[in-house]
Amino acid sequence: MLASVPQQAAPLEQLSFTAALLLQVSEEDLETARYMLVSDHGTFLGARAQEADSVGRAIGEMVAAAAARA
């Protein structure tokens, strides 16, 4: 999912894109969306949990970048 976010876009555009993508995933498969956003990935993925946790981290970075640009 993160690979599809346009890296050259402004932070607000990245957030909008990510939000739209999460809404689309939610409409298609709500359980997958829940898993991506709120699951304890370590329970299911072990060492690969860091990859799954990158979604929340990336969103946080986009929010911080947008806030820094006002």
Protein backbone atom coordinates (compact mmCIF):
# COMPACT_ATOMS: atom_id res chain seq x y z
CA MET A 1 0.00 0.00 0.00
CA LEU A 2 2.72 2.46 0.94
CA ALA A 3 4.53 1.89 -2.33
CA SER A 4 1.53 3.34 -4.19
CA VAL A 5 1.64 6.71 -2.33
CA PRO A 6 3.11 9.35 -4.65
CA GLN A 7 6.42 10.24 -2.97
CA GLN A 8 6.86 13.52 -4.85
CA ALA A 9 3.41 14.83 -3.89
CA ALA A 10 2.90 17.42 -1.19
CA PRO A 11 2.21 15.98 2.29
CA LEU A 12 -1.48 16.90 2.20
CA GLU A 13 -1.87 15.19 -1.17
CA GLN A 14 -0.11 12.12 0.24
CA LEU A 15 -2.51 12.06 3.19
CA SER A 16 -5.51 12.46 0.91
CA PHE A 17 -4.28 9.64 -1.32
CA THR A 18 -3.63 7.39 1.68
CA ALA A 19 -7.05 8.14 3.19
CA ALA A 20 -8.77 7.38 -0.10
CA LEU A 21 -6.83 4.14 -0.42
CA LEU A 22 -7.73 3.09 3.13
CA LEU A 23 -11.39 3.85 2.47
CA GLN A 24 -11.26 1.78 -0.70
CA VAL A 25 -9.66 -1.15 1.16
CA SER A 26 -12.29 -0.78 3.90
CA GLU A 27 -15.11 -0.96 1.38
CA GLU A 28 -13.61 -4.02 -0.30
CA ASP A 29 -12.47 -5.88 2.81
CA LEU A 30 -13.15 -4.33 6.21
CA GLU A 31 -11.23 -7.00 8.09
CA THR A 32 -8.09 -6.32 6.06
CA ALA A 33 -8.39 -2.60 6.78
CA ARG A 34 -8.81 -3.28 10.50
CA TYR A 35 -5.81 -5.56 10.46
CA MET A 36 -3.68 -2.92 8.74
CA LEU A 37 -4.64 -0.19 11.19
CA VAL A 38 -5.19 -1.68 14.62
CA SER A 39 -3.90 -5.24 14.91
CA ASP A 40 -0.93 -6.24 16.98
CA HIS A 41 1.05 -7.35 13.96
CA GLY A 42 3.73 -9.01 16.06
CA THR A 43 1.23 -11.66 17.13
CA PHE A 44 0.68 -12.77 13.54
CA LEU A 45 3.81 -11.79 11.67
CA GLY A 46 6.66 -12.14 14.13
CA ALA A 47 9.78 -10.49 12.69
CA ARG A 48 7.84 -9.20 9.68
CA ALA A 49 5.61 -7.10 11.97
CA GLN A 50 7.80 -4.04 11.42
CA GLU A 51 6.76 -4.01 7.74
CA ALA A 52 3.06 -4.00 8.66
CA ASP A 53 3.56 -1.36 11.35
CA SER A 54 5.05 0.93 8.72
CA VAL A 55 1.54 2.00 7.62
CA GLY A 56 0.84 3.86 10.86
CA ARG A 57 4.38 5.19 11.00
CA ALA A 58 4.17 6.48 7.42
CA ILE A 59 0.86 8.21 8.10
CA GLY A 60 2.39 9.84 11.17
CA GLU A 61 5.32 11.07 9.11
CA MET A 62 2.95 12.52 6.49
CA VAL A 63 0.98 14.33 9.18
CA ALA A 64 4.18 15.74 10.70
CA ALA A 65 5.42 16.90 7.30
CA ALA A 66 2.08 18.55 6.53
CA ALA A 67 2.08 20.28 9.92
CA ALA A 68 5.61 21.54 9.36
CA ARG A 69 4.53 23.08 6.04
CA ALA A 70 1.46 24.59 7.75
